[in-house]
Amino acid sequence: MDDLILQLGEKSFKLKFGLGLFRILGRKWQLPGIDEVVQKIAILDSVDGKLTFEQIDLEQVLISAIEYGGCKDDLSDFDIIEEFFKDPKALDNFKDGIINSLPKAETEEEPGK
């Protein structure tokens, strides 16, 4: 998957996905481990085009992905959600990035395959 870049004002910010993102979200959401963060974030995999703020705070996840991408800037002056949704494919690309970075259970291949 290509890097996701979010343009905020004159700056571009890379959104990074992976276990480090889950660690950042765990701290922000005060969850004890990766399993709890994965449960909360996994809602993105079952969303059929409708994502409510009750399901997940998308802005907080976006900010965390930007932080994990290396940004140290204060983002409070930006309307992150409005800028994010200027791209009609942004939510689908973001969901794919999150889902693809979820830990995957290792499966054993059956003999003979």
PDB file of N, CA and C in Angstrom:
ATOM      1  N   MET A   1       0.841  -1.178   0.000  1.00  0.00           N
ATOM      2  CA  MET A   1       0.000   0.000   0.000  1.00  0.00           C
ATOM      3  C   MET A   1       0.886   1.241   0.000  1.00  0.00           C
ATOM      4  N   ASP A   2       0.486   2.225  -0.780  1.00  0.00           N
ATOM      5  CA  ASP A   2       1.222   3.481  -0.803  1.00  0.00           C
ATOM      6  C   ASP A   2       1.049   4.200   0.528  1.00  0.00           C
ATOM      7  N   ASP A   3       2.007   5.086   0.828  1.00  0.00           N
ATOM      8  CA  ASP A   3       1.873   5.906   2.020  1.00  0.00           C
ATOM      9  C   ASP A   3       0.642   6.788   1.896  1.00  0.00           C
ATOM     10  N   LEU A   4      -0.039   6.986   3.004  1.00  0.00           N
ATOM     11  CA  LEU A   4      -1.137   7.946   3.024  1.00  0.00           C
ATOM     12  C   LEU A   4      -0.578   9.272   3.481  1.00  0.00           C
ATOM     13  N   ILE A   5      -0.862  10.298   2.718  1.00  0.00           N
ATOM     14  CA  ILE A   5      -0.392  11.641   3.020  1.00  0.00           C
ATOM     15  C   ILE A   5      -1.615  12.524   3.236  1.00  0.00           C
ATOM     16  N   LEU A   6      -1.599  13.277   4.315  1.00  0.00           N
ATOM     17  CA  LEU A   6      -2.676  14.218   4.610  1.00  0.00           C
ATOM     18  C   LEU A   6      -2.109  15.626   4.508  1.00  0.00           C
ATOM     19  N   GLN A   7      -2.720  16.423   3.642  1.00  0.00           N
ATOM     20  CA  GLN A   7      -2.305  17.810   3.453  1.00  0.00           C
ATOM     21  C   GLN A   7      -3.060  18.685   4.450  1.00  0.00           C
ATOM     22  N   LEU A   8      -2.324  19.371   5.314  1.00  0.00           N
ATOM     23  CA  LEU A   8      -2.913  20.293   6.284  1.00  0.00           C
ATOM     24  C   LEU A   8      -2.244  21.647   6.078  1.00  0.00           C
ATOM     25  N   GLY A   9      -3.010  22.583   5.548  1.00  0.00           N
ATOM     26  CA  GLY A   9      -2.436  23.883   5.246  1.00  0.00           C
ATOM     27  C   GLY A   9      -1.344  23.720   4.209  1.00  0.00           C
ATOM     28  N   GLU A  10      -0.176  24.247   4.511  1.00  0.00           N
ATOM     29  CA  GLU A  10       0.964  24.169   3.592  1.00  0.00           C
ATOM     30  C   GLU A  10       1.829  22.929   3.819  1.00  0.00           C
ATOM     31  N   LYS A  11       1.475  22.119   4.792  1.00  0.00           N
ATOM     32  CA  LYS A  11       2.302  20.967   5.143  1.00  0.00           C
ATOM     33  C   LYS A  11       1.625  19.654   4.762  1.00  0.00           C
ATOM     34  N   SER A  12       2.453  18.686   4.453  1.00  0.00           N
ATOM     35  CA  SER A  12       1.996  17.322   4.192  1.00  0.00           C
ATOM     36  C   SER A  12       2.465  16.438   5.336  1.00  0.00           C
ATOM     37  N   PHE A  13       1.571  15.561   5.781  1.00  0.00           N
ATOM     38  CA  PHE A  13       1.886  14.670   6.884  1.00  0.00           C
ATOM     39  C   PHE A  13       1.658  13.223   6.459  1.00  0.00           C
ATOM     40  N   LYS A  14       2.655  12.389   6.738  1.00  0.00           N
ATOM     41  CA  LYS A  14       2.551  10.965   6.439  1.00  0.00           C
ATOM     42  C   LYS A  14       1.799  10.271   7.570  1.00  0.00           C
ATOM     43  N   LEU A  15       0.838   9.438   7.208  1.00  0.00           N
ATOM     44  CA  LEU A  15       0.143   8.610   8.180  1.00  0.00           C
ATOM     45  C   LEU A  15       0.811   7.244   8.158  1.00  0.00           C
ATOM     46  N   LYS A  16       1.251   6.791   9.312  1.00  0.00           N
ATOM     47  CA  LYS A  16       1.955   5.516   9.413  1.00  0.00           C
ATOM     48  C   LYS A  16       1.117   4.544  10.232  1.00  0.00           C
ATOM     49  N   PHE A  17       1.099   3.301   9.790  1.00  0.00           N
ATOM     50  CA  PHE A  17       0.331   2.257  10.457  1.00  0.00           C
ATOM     51  C   PHE A  17       1.272   1.170  10.951  1.00  0.00           C
ATOM     52  N   GLY A  18       0.857   0.460  11.972  1.00  0.00           N
ATOM     53  CA  GLY A  18       1.660  -0.638  12.511  1.00  0.00           C
ATOM     54  C   GLY A  18       1.468  -0.741  14.014  1.00  0.00           C
ATOM     55  N   LEU A  19       2.251  -1.602  14.631  1.00  0.00           N
ATOM     56  CA  LEU A  19       2.101  -1.840  16.066  1.00  0.00           C
ATOM     57  C   LEU A  19       2.384  -0.590  16.892  1.00  0.00           C
ATOM     58  N   GLY A  20       3.269   0.273  16.422  1.00  0.00           N
ATOM     59  CA  GLY A  20       3.543   1.523  17.130  1.00  0.00           C
ATOM     60  C   GLY A  20       2.310   2.407  17.211  1.00  0.00           C
ATOM     61  N   LEU A  21       1.501   2.396  16.161  1.00  0.00           N
ATOM     62  CA  LEU A  21       0.246   3.159  16.179  1.00  0.00           C
ATOM     63  C   LEU A  21      -0.684   2.615  17.255  1.00  0.00           C
ATOM     64  N   PHE A  22      -0.764   1.295  17.363  1.00  0.00           N
ATOM     65  CA  PHE A  22      -1.625   0.699  18.384  1.00  0.00           C
ATOM     66  C   PHE A  22      -1.130   1.029  19.794  1.00  0.00           C
ATOM     67  N   ARG A  23       0.179   1.119  19.948  1.00  0.00           N
ATOM     68  CA  ARG A  23       0.757   1.490  21.243  1.00  0.00           C
ATOM     69  C   ARG A  23       0.366   2.936  21.599  1.00  0.00           C
ATOM     70  N   ILE A  24       0.453   3.840  20.635  1.00  0.00           N
ATOM     71  CA  ILE A  24       0.061   5.241  20.863  1.00  0.00           C
ATOM     72  C   ILE A  24      -1.416   5.322  21.221  1.00  0.00           C
ATOM     73  N   LEU A  25      -2.250   4.598  20.481  1.00  0.00           N
ATOM     74  CA  LEU A  25      -3.692   4.619  20.755  1.00  0.00           C
ATOM     75  C   LEU A  25      -4.001   4.001  22.121  1.00  0.00           C
ATOM     76  N   GLY A  26      -3.286   2.959  22.498  1.00  0.00           N
ATOM     77  CA  GLY A  26      -3.493   2.349  23.810  1.00  0.00           C
ATOM     78  C   GLY A  26      -3.236   3.344  24.928  1.00  0.00           C
ATOM     79  N   ARG A  27      -2.186   4.148  24.777  1.00  0.00           N
ATOM     80  CA  ARG A  27      -1.903   5.178  25.785  1.00  0.00           C
ATOM     81  C   ARG A  27      -3.007   6.222  25.804  1.00  0.00           C
ATOM     82  N   LYS A  28      -3.445   6.677  24.631  1.00  0.00           N
ATOM     83  CA  LYS A  28      -4.471   7.723  24.562  1.00  0.00           C
ATOM     84  C   LYS A  28      -5.812   7.226  25.091  1.00  0.00           C
ATOM     85  N   TRP A  29      -6.144   5.975  24.794  1.00  0.00           N
ATOM     86  CA  TRP A  29      -7.428   5.427  25.209  1.00  0.00           C
ATOM     87  C   TRP A  29      -7.356   4.745  26.564  1.00  0.00           C
ATOM     88  N   GLN A  30      -6.195   4.736  27.161  1.00  0.00           N
ATOM     89  CA  GLN A  30      -5.954   4.107  28.457  1.00  0.00           C
ATOM     90  C   GLN A  30      -6.399   2.644  28.465  1.00  0.00           C
ATOM     91  N   LEU A  31      -5.945   1.931  27.448  1.00  0.00           N
ATOM     92  CA  LEU A  31      -6.222   0.504  27.342  1.00  0.00           C
ATOM     93  C   LEU A  31      -4.957  -0.268  27.699  1.00  0.00           C
ATOM     94  N   PRO A  32      -5.103  -1.409  28.372  1.00  0.00           N
ATOM     95  CA  PRO A  32      -3.936  -2.102  28.913  1.00  0.00           C
ATOM     96  C   PRO A  32      -3.070  -2.841  27.899  1.00  0.00           C
ATOM     97  N   GLY A  33      -3.626  -3.192  26.741  1.00  0.00           N
ATOM     98  CA  GLY A  33      -2.814  -3.976  25.813  1.00  0.00           C
ATOM     99  C   GLY A  33      -3.291  -3.897  24.386  1.00  0.00           C
ATOM    100  N   ILE A  34      -2.544  -4.561  23.532  1.00  0.00           N
ATOM    101  CA  ILE A  34      -2.841  -4.497  22.104  1.00  0.00           C
ATOM    102  C   ILE A  34      -4.179  -5.144  21.769  1.00  0.00           C
ATOM    103  N   ASP A  35      -4.562  -6.194  22.495  1.00  0.00           N
ATOM    104  CA  ASP A  35      -5.832  -6.857  22.201  1.00  0.00           C
ATOM    105  C   ASP A  35      -7.011  -5.896  22.342  1.00  0.00           C
ATOM    106  N   GLU A  36      -6.968  -5.078  23.383  1.00  0.00           N
ATOM    107  CA  GLU A  36      -8.058  -4.125  23.604  1.00  0.00           C
ATOM    108  C   GLU A  36      -8.077  -3.036  22.526  1.00  0.00           C
ATOM    109  N   VAL A  37      -6.898  -2.590  22.111  1.00  0.00           N
ATOM    110  CA  VAL A  37      -6.820  -1.583  21.045  1.00  0.00           C
ATOM    111  C   VAL A  37      -7.316  -2.186  19.735  1.00  0.00           C
ATOM    112  N   VAL A  38      -6.905  -3.416  19.460  1.00  0.00           N
ATOM    113  CA  VAL A  38      -7.337  -4.080  18.235  1.00  0.00           C
ATOM    114  C   VAL A  38      -8.853  -4.243  18.217  1.00  0.00           C
ATOM    115  N   GLN A  39      -9.446  -4.598  19.366  1.00  0.00           N
ATOM    116  CA  GLN A  39     -10.898  -4.725  19.435  1.00  0.00           C
ATOM    117  C   GLN A  39     -11.579  -3.403  19.107  1.00  0.00           C
ATOM    118  N   LYS A  40     -11.048  -2.332  19.644  1.00  0.00           N
ATOM    119  CA  LYS A  40     -11.657  -1.023  19.407  1.00  0.00           C
ATOM    120  C   LYS A  40     -11.470  -0.585  17.956  1.00  0.00           C
ATOM    121  N   ILE A  41     -10.314  -0.826  17.401  1.00  0.00           N
ATOM    122  CA  ILE A  41     -10.016  -0.377  16.051  1.00  0.00           C
ATOM    123  C   ILE A  41     -10.630  -1.309  15.005  1.00  0.00           C
ATOM    124  N   ALA A  42     -10.896  -2.564  15.358  1.00  0.00           N
ATOM    125  CA  ALA A  42     -11.430  -3.539  14.411  1.00  0.00           C
ATOM    126  C   ALA A  42     -12.814  -3.164  13.917  1.00  0.00           C
ATOM    127  N   ILE A  43     -13.471  -2.235  14.573  1.00  0.00           N
ATOM    128  CA  ILE A  43     -14.783  -1.775  14.113  1.00  0.00           C
ATOM    129  C   ILE A  43     -14.683  -1.257  12.677  1.00  0.00           C
ATOM    130  N   LEU A  44     -13.511  -0.769  12.285  1.00  0.00           N
ATOM    131  CA  LEU A  44     -13.334  -0.263  10.921  1.00  0.00           C
ATOM    132  C   LEU A  44     -13.539  -1.346   9.877  1.00  0.00           C
ATOM    133  N   ASP A  45     -13.268  -2.589  10.250  1.00  0.00           N
ATOM    134  CA  ASP A  45     -13.395  -3.695   9.305  1.00  0.00           C
ATOM    135  C   ASP A  45     -14.843  -4.060   9.046  1.00  0.00           C
ATOM    136  N   SER A  46     -15.746  -3.684   9.938  1.00  0.00           N
ATOM    137  CA  SER A  46     -17.149  -4.058   9.776  1.00  0.00           C
ATOM    138  C   SER A  46     -18.043  -2.892   9.389  1.00  0.00           C
ATOM    139  N   VAL A  47     -17.446  -1.746   9.130  1.00  0.00           N
ATOM    140  CA  VAL A  47     -18.226  -0.560   8.784  1.00  0.00           C
ATOM    141  C   VAL A  47     -18.618  -0.626   7.318  1.00  0.00           C
ATOM    142  N   ASP A  48     -19.914  -0.451   7.052  1.00  0.00           N
ATOM    143  CA  ASP A  48     -20.406  -0.448   5.677  1.00  0.00           C
ATOM    144  C   ASP A  48     -20.692   0.978   5.229  1.00  0.00           C
ATOM    145  N   GLY A  49     -19.648   1.787   5.171  1.00  0.00           N
ATOM    146  CA  GLY A  49     -19.805   3.154   4.694  1.00  0.00           C
ATOM    147  C   GLY A  49     -20.280   4.136   5.736  1.00  0.00           C
ATOM    148  N   LYS A  50     -20.651   3.662   6.911  1.00  0.00           N
ATOM    149  CA  LYS A  50     -21.131   4.548   7.964  1.00  0.00           C
ATOM    150  C   LYS A  50     -20.264   4.369   9.199  1.00  0.00           C
ATOM    151  N   LEU A  51     -19.565   5.410   9.546  1.00  0.00           N
ATOM    152  CA  LEU A  51     -18.698   5.383  10.711  1.00  0.00           C
ATOM    153  C   LEU A  51     -19.164   6.485  11.648  1.00  0.00           C
ATOM    154  N   THR A  52     -19.589   6.107  12.846  1.00  0.00           N
ATOM    155  CA  THR A  52     -20.077   7.111  13.788  1.00  0.00           C
ATOM    156  C   THR A  52     -18.982   7.458  14.782  1.00  0.00           C
ATOM    157  N   PHE A  53     -19.109   8.645  15.379  1.00  0.00           N
ATOM    158  CA  PHE A  53     -18.143   9.051  16.382  1.00  0.00           C
ATOM    159  C   PHE A  53     -18.243   8.187  17.630  1.00  0.00           C
ATOM    160  N   GLU A  54     -19.387   7.539  17.823  1.00  0.00           N
ATOM    161  CA  GLU A  54     -19.511   6.624  18.954  1.00  0.00           C
ATOM    162  C   GLU A  54     -18.669   5.375  18.730  1.00  0.00           C
ATOM    163  N   GLN A  55     -18.497   4.986  17.468  1.00  0.00           N
ATOM    164  CA  GLN A  55     -17.710   3.797  17.175  1.00  0.00           C
ATOM    165  C   GLN A  55     -16.230   4.054  17.404  1.00  0.00           C
ATOM    166  N   ILE A  56     -15.745   5.182  16.909  1.00  0.00           N
ATOM    167  CA  ILE A  56     -14.319   5.468  17.022  1.00  0.00           C
ATOM    168  C   ILE A  56     -14.097   6.956  16.785  1.00  0.00           C
ATOM    169  N   ASP A  57     -13.163   7.513  17.512  1.00  0.00           N
ATOM    170  CA  ASP A  57     -12.808   8.910  17.327  1.00  0.00           C
ATOM    171  C   ASP A  57     -11.787   8.971  16.196  1.00  0.00           C
ATOM    172  N   LEU A  58     -12.287   9.165  14.985  1.00  0.00           N
ATOM    173  CA  LEU A  58     -11.435   9.122  13.807  1.00  0.00           C
ATOM    174  C   LEU A  58     -10.333  10.173  13.861  1.00  0.00           C
ATOM    175  N   GLU A  59     -10.645  11.356  14.360  1.00  0.00           N
ATOM    176  CA  GLU A  59      -9.627  12.401  14.425  1.00  0.00           C
ATOM    177  C   GLU A  59      -8.466  11.968  15.325  1.00  0.00           C
ATOM    178  N   GLN A  60      -8.777  11.325  16.434  1.00  0.00           N
ATOM    179  CA  GLN A  60      -7.717  10.868  17.336  1.00  0.00           C
ATOM    180  C   GLN A  60      -6.854   9.792  16.679  1.00  0.00           C
ATOM    181  N   VAL A  61      -7.466   8.926  15.902  1.00  0.00           N
ATOM    182  CA  VAL A  61      -6.706   7.896  15.204  1.00  0.00           C
ATOM    183  C   VAL A  61      -5.835   8.538  14.125  1.00  0.00           C
ATOM    184  N   LEU A  62      -6.383   9.522  13.406  1.00  0.00           N
ATOM    185  CA  LEU A  62      -5.599  10.221  12.381  1.00  0.00           C
ATOM    186  C   LEU A  62      -4.392  10.925  12.999  1.00  0.00           C
ATOM    187  N   ILE A  63      -4.618  11.644  14.085  1.00  0.00           N
ATOM    188  CA  ILE A  63      -3.523  12.348  14.763  1.00  0.00           C
ATOM    189  C   ILE A  63      -2.472  11.348  15.231  1.00  0.00           C
ATOM    190  N   SER A  64      -2.917  10.221  15.762  1.00  0.00           N
ATOM    191  CA  SER A  64      -1.969   9.201  16.224  1.00  0.00           C
ATOM    192  C   SER A  64      -1.165   8.631  15.071  1.00  0.00           C
ATOM    193  N   ALA A  65      -1.799   8.416  13.913  1.00  0.00           N
ATOM    194  CA  ALA A  65      -1.089   7.904  12.740  1.00  0.00           C
ATOM    195  C   ALA A  65      -0.077   8.936  12.230  1.00  0.00           C
ATOM    196  N   ILE A  66      -0.422  10.218  12.325  1.00  0.00           N
ATOM    197  CA  ILE A  66       0.509  11.287  11.938  1.00  0.00           C
ATOM    198  C   ILE A  66       1.690  11.315  12.912  1.00  0.00           C
ATOM    199  N   GLU A  67       1.404  11.193  14.214  1.00  0.00           N
ATOM    200  CA  GLU A  67       2.473  11.164  15.225  1.00  0.00           C
ATOM    201  C   GLU A  67       3.398   9.968  14.985  1.00  0.00           C
ATOM    202  N   TYR A  68       2.817   8.814  14.717  1.00  0.00           N
ATOM    203  CA  TYR A  68       3.620   7.614  14.464  1.00  0.00           C
ATOM    204  C   TYR A  68       4.440   7.778  13.188  1.00  0.00           C
ATOM    205  N   GLY A  69       3.953   8.594  12.261  1.00  0.00           N
ATOM    206  CA  GLY A  69       4.698   8.896  11.043  1.00  0.00           C
ATOM    207  C   GLY A  69       5.862   9.838  11.268  1.00  0.00           C
ATOM    208  N   GLY A  70       6.019  10.333  12.493  1.00  0.00           N
ATOM    209  CA  GLY A  70       7.187  11.143  12.833  1.00  0.00           C
ATOM    210  C   GLY A  70       6.906  12.607  13.099  1.00  0.00           C
ATOM    211  N   CYS A  71       5.668  13.019  13.052  1.00  0.00           N
ATOM    212  CA  CYS A  71       5.332  14.431  13.257  1.00  0.00           C
ATOM    213  C   CYS A  71       5.398  14.803  14.734  1.00  0.00           C
ATOM    214  N   LYS A  72       6.039  15.911  14.996  1.00  0.00           N
ATOM    215  CA  LYS A  72       6.110  16.450  16.360  1.00  0.00           C
ATOM    216  C   LYS A  72       5.369  17.794  16.450  1.00  0.00           C
ATOM    217  N   ASP A  73       4.757  18.233  15.345  1.00  0.00           N
ATOM    218  CA  ASP A  73       4.081  19.525  15.289  1.00  0.00           C
ATOM    219  C   ASP A  73       2.780  19.510  16.092  1.00  0.00           C
ATOM    220  N   ASP A  74       2.373  20.676  16.539  1.00  0.00           N
ATOM    221  CA  ASP A  74       1.071  20.854  17.176  1.00  0.00           C
ATOM    222  C   ASP A  74       0.030  20.931  16.060  1.00  0.00           C
ATOM    223  N   LEU A  75      -0.934  20.033  16.065  1.00  0.00           N
ATOM    224  CA  LEU A  75      -1.932  19.961  15.000  1.00  0.00           C
ATOM    225  C   LEU A  75      -3.261  20.592  15.391  1.00  0.00           C
ATOM    226  N   SER A  76      -3.310  21.237  16.542  1.00  0.00           N
ATOM    227  CA  SER A  76      -4.586  21.751  17.055  1.00  0.00           C
ATOM    228  C   SER A  76      -5.178  22.876  16.209  1.00  0.00           C
ATOM    229  N   ASP A  77      -4.379  23.525  15.381  1.00  0.00           N
ATOM    230  CA  ASP A  77      -4.892  24.614  14.548  1.00  0.00           C
ATOM    231  C   ASP A  77      -5.565  24.128  13.266  1.00  0.00           C
ATOM    232  N   PHE A  78      -5.492  22.837  12.996  1.00  0.00           N
ATOM    233  CA  PHE A  78      -6.020  22.299  11.743  1.00  0.00           C
ATOM    234  C   PHE A  78      -7.360  21.600  11.948  1.00  0.00           C
ATOM    235  N   ASP A  79      -8.213  21.693  10.944  1.00  0.00           N
ATOM    236  CA  ASP A  79      -9.458  20.927  10.936  1.00  0.00           C
ATOM    237  C   ASP A  79      -9.155  19.619  10.205  1.00  0.00           C
ATOM    238  N   ILE A  80      -8.631  18.677  10.951  1.00  0.00           N
ATOM    239  CA  ILE A  80      -8.100  17.454  10.378  1.00  0.00           C
ATOM    240  C   ILE A  80      -9.181  16.641   9.663  1.00  0.00           C
ATOM    241  N   ILE A  81     -10.341  16.527  10.264  1.00  0.00           N
ATOM    242  CA  ILE A  81     -11.413  15.734   9.660  1.00  0.00           C
ATOM    243  C   ILE A  81     -11.856  16.340   8.331  1.00  0.00           C
ATOM    244  N   GLU A  82     -12.039  17.637   8.284  1.00  0.00           N
ATOM    245  CA  GLU A  82     -12.468  18.292   7.048  1.00  0.00           C
ATOM    246  C   GLU A  82     -11.430  18.100   5.946  1.00  0.00           C
ATOM    247  N   GLU A  83     -10.163  18.267   6.280  1.00  0.00           N
ATOM    248  CA  GLU A  83      -9.098  18.087   5.288  1.00  0.00           C
ATOM    249  C   GLU A  83      -9.030  16.636   4.832  1.00  0.00           C
ATOM    250  N   PHE A  84      -9.200  15.716   5.771  1.00  0.00           N
ATOM    251  CA  PHE A  84      -9.137  14.285   5.464  1.00  0.00           C
ATOM    252  C   PHE A  84     -10.206  13.900   4.447  1.00  0.00           C
ATOM    253  N   PHE A  85     -11.425  14.383   4.633  1.00  0.00           N
ATOM    254  CA  PHE A  85     -12.531  13.976   3.772  1.00  0.00           C
ATOM    255  C   PHE A  85     -12.603  14.740   2.458  1.00  0.00           C
ATOM    256  N   LYS A  86     -11.628  15.600   2.181  1.00  0.00           N
ATOM    257  CA  LYS A  86     -11.565  16.231   0.857  1.00  0.00           C
ATOM    258  C   LYS A  86     -11.241  15.194  -0.216  1.00  0.00           C
ATOM    259  N   ASP A  87     -10.607  14.120   0.188  1.00  0.00           N
ATOM    260  CA  ASP A  87     -10.326  13.007  -0.723  1.00  0.00           C
ATOM    261  C   ASP A  87     -11.449  11.989  -0.572  1.00  0.00           C
ATOM    262  N   PRO A  88     -12.226  11.754  -1.621  1.00  0.00           N
ATOM    263  CA  PRO A  88     -13.367  10.828  -1.500  1.00  0.00           C
ATOM    264  C   PRO A  88     -12.970   9.388  -1.158  1.00  0.00           C
ATOM    265  N   LYS A  89     -11.738   9.011  -1.424  1.00  0.00           N
ATOM    266  CA  LYS A  89     -11.294   7.649  -1.123  1.00  0.00           C
ATOM    267  C   LYS A  89     -10.522   7.569   0.181  1.00  0.00           C
ATOM    268  N   ALA A  90     -10.441   8.674   0.904  1.00  0.00           N
ATOM    269  CA  ALA A  90      -9.604   8.731   2.107  1.00  0.00           C
ATOM    270  C   ALA A  90     -10.002   7.700   3.151  1.00  0.00           C
ATOM    271  N   LEU A  91     -11.293   7.582   3.435  1.00  0.00           N
ATOM    272  CA  LEU A  91     -11.719   6.661   4.485  1.00  0.00           C
ATOM    273  C   LEU A  91     -11.418   5.218   4.099  1.00  0.00           C
ATOM    274  N   ASP A  92     -11.680   4.857   2.848  1.00  0.00           N
ATOM    275  CA  ASP A  92     -11.381   3.485   2.409  1.00  0.00           C
ATOM    276  C   ASP A  92      -9.889   3.200   2.487  1.00  0.00           C
ATOM    277  N   ASN A  93      -9.066   4.144   2.038  1.00  0.00           N
ATOM    278  CA  ASN A  93      -7.613   3.961   2.099  1.00  0.00           C
ATOM    279  C   ASN A  93      -7.127   3.871   3.542  1.00  0.00           C
ATOM    280  N   PHE A  94      -7.703   4.695   4.397  1.00  0.00           N
ATOM    281  CA  PHE A  94      -7.330   4.694   5.807  1.00  0.00           C
ATOM    282  C   PHE A  94      -7.720   3.373   6.456  1.00  0.00           C
ATOM    283  N   LYS A  95      -8.946   2.917   6.204  1.00  0.00           N
ATOM    284  CA  LYS A  95      -9.393   1.634   6.750  1.00  0.00           C
ATOM    285  C   LYS A  95      -8.489   0.507   6.287  1.00  0.00           C
ATOM    286  N   ASP A  96      -8.122   0.524   5.007  1.00  0.00           N
ATOM    287  CA  ASP A  96      -7.228  -0.515   4.494  1.00  0.00           C
ATOM    288  C   ASP A  96      -5.886  -0.484   5.212  1.00  0.00           C
ATOM    289  N   GLY A  97      -5.352   0.718   5.441  1.00  0.00           N
ATOM    290  CA  GLY A  97      -4.078   0.843   6.142  1.00  0.00           C
ATOM    291  C   GLY A  97      -4.146   0.288   7.555  1.00  0.00           C
ATOM    292  N   ILE A  98      -5.213   0.625   8.254  1.00  0.00           N
ATOM    293  CA  ILE A  98      -5.401   0.131   9.626  1.00  0.00           C
ATOM    294  C   ILE A  98      -5.567  -1.385   9.628  1.00  0.00           C
ATOM    295  N   ILE A  99      -6.467  -1.877   8.793  1.00  0.00           N
ATOM    296  CA  ILE A  99      -6.771  -3.307   8.779  1.00  0.00           C
ATOM    297  C   ILE A  99      -5.552  -4.127   8.385  1.00  0.00           C
ATOM    298  N   ASN A 100      -4.795  -3.641   7.406  1.00  0.00           N
ATOM    299  CA  ASN A 100      -3.603  -4.363   6.972  1.00  0.00           C
ATOM    300  C   ASN A 100      -2.499  -4.359   8.030  1.00  0.00           C
ATOM    301  N   SER A 101      -2.565  -3.422   8.968  1.00  0.00           N
ATOM    302  CA  SER A 101      -1.537  -3.380  10.007  1.00  0.00           C
ATOM    303  C   SER A 101      -1.949  -4.140  11.268  1.00  0.00           C
ATOM    304  N   LEU A 102      -3.183  -4.645  11.298  1.00  0.00           N
ATOM    305  CA  LEU A 102      -3.613  -5.442  12.449  1.00  0.00           C
ATOM    306  C   LEU A 102      -2.777  -6.709  12.539  1.00  0.00           C
ATOM    307  N   PRO A 103      -2.442  -7.133  13.756  1.00  0.00           N
ATOM    308  CA  PRO A 103      -1.705  -8.399  13.900  1.00  0.00           C
ATOM    309  C   PRO A 103      -2.528  -9.540  13.317  1.00  0.00           C
ATOM    310  N   LYS A 104      -1.858 -10.398  12.595  1.00  0.00           N
ATOM    311  CA  LYS A 104      -2.551 -11.506  11.949  1.00  0.00           C
ATOM    312  C   LYS A 104      -2.165 -12.801  12.651  1.00  0.00           C
ATOM    313  N   ALA A 105      -3.160 -13.638  12.857  1.00  0.00           N
ATOM    314  CA  ALA A 105      -2.905 -14.948  13.457  1.00  0.00           C
ATOM    315  C   ALA A 105      -2.180 -15.803  12.425  1.00  0.00           C
ATOM    316  N   GLU A 106      -1.169 -16.480  12.886  1.00  0.00           N
ATOM    317  CA  GLU A 106      -0.451 -17.376  11.982  1.00  0.00           C
ATOM    318  C   GLU A 106      -1.278 -18.632  11.801  1.00  0.00           C
ATOM    319  N   THR A 107      -1.418 -19.053  10.548  1.00  0.00           N
ATOM    320  CA  THR A 107      -2.166 -20.262  10.265  1.00  0.00           C
ATOM    321  C   THR A 107      -1.195 -21.316   9.770  1.00  0.00           C
ATOM    322  N   GLU A 108      -1.444 -22.531  10.215  1.00  0.00           N
ATOM    323  CA  GLU A 108      -0.605 -23.642   9.785  1.00  0.00           C
ATOM    324  C   GLU A 108      -1.177 -24.194   8.499  1.00  0.00           C
ATOM    325  N   GLU A 109      -0.297 -24.466   7.540  1.00  0.00           N
ATOM    326  CA  GLU A 109      -0.754 -25.074   6.303  1.00  0.00           C
ATOM    327  C   GLU A 109      -1.006 -26.551   6.532  1.00  0.00           C
ATOM    328  N   GLU A 110      -2.053 -27.022   5.867  1.00  0.00           N
ATOM    329  CA  GLU A 110      -2.367 -28.436   5.972  1.00  0.00           C
ATOM    330  C   GLU A 110      -1.343 -29.216   5.173  1.00  0.00           C
ATOM    331  N   PRO A 111      -0.967 -30.419   5.663  1.00  0.00           N
ATOM    332  CA  PRO A 111       0.001 -31.255   4.906  1.00  0.00           C
ATOM    333  C   PRO A 111      -0.539 -31.540   3.507  1.00  0.00           C
ATOM    334  N   GLY A 112       0.356 -31.520   2.542  1.00  0.00           N
ATOM    335  CA  GLY A 112      -0.028 -31.828   1.172  1.00  0.00           C
ATOM    336  C   GLY A 112      -0.422 -30.625   0.361  1.00  0.00           C
ATOM    337  N   LYS A 113      -0.393 -29.443   0.937  1.00  0.00           N
ATOM    338  CA  LYS A 113      -0.765 -28.242   0.180  1.00  0.00           C
ATOM    339  C   LYS A 113       0.448 -27.487  -0.244  1.00  0.00           C
TER     340      LYS A 113
END
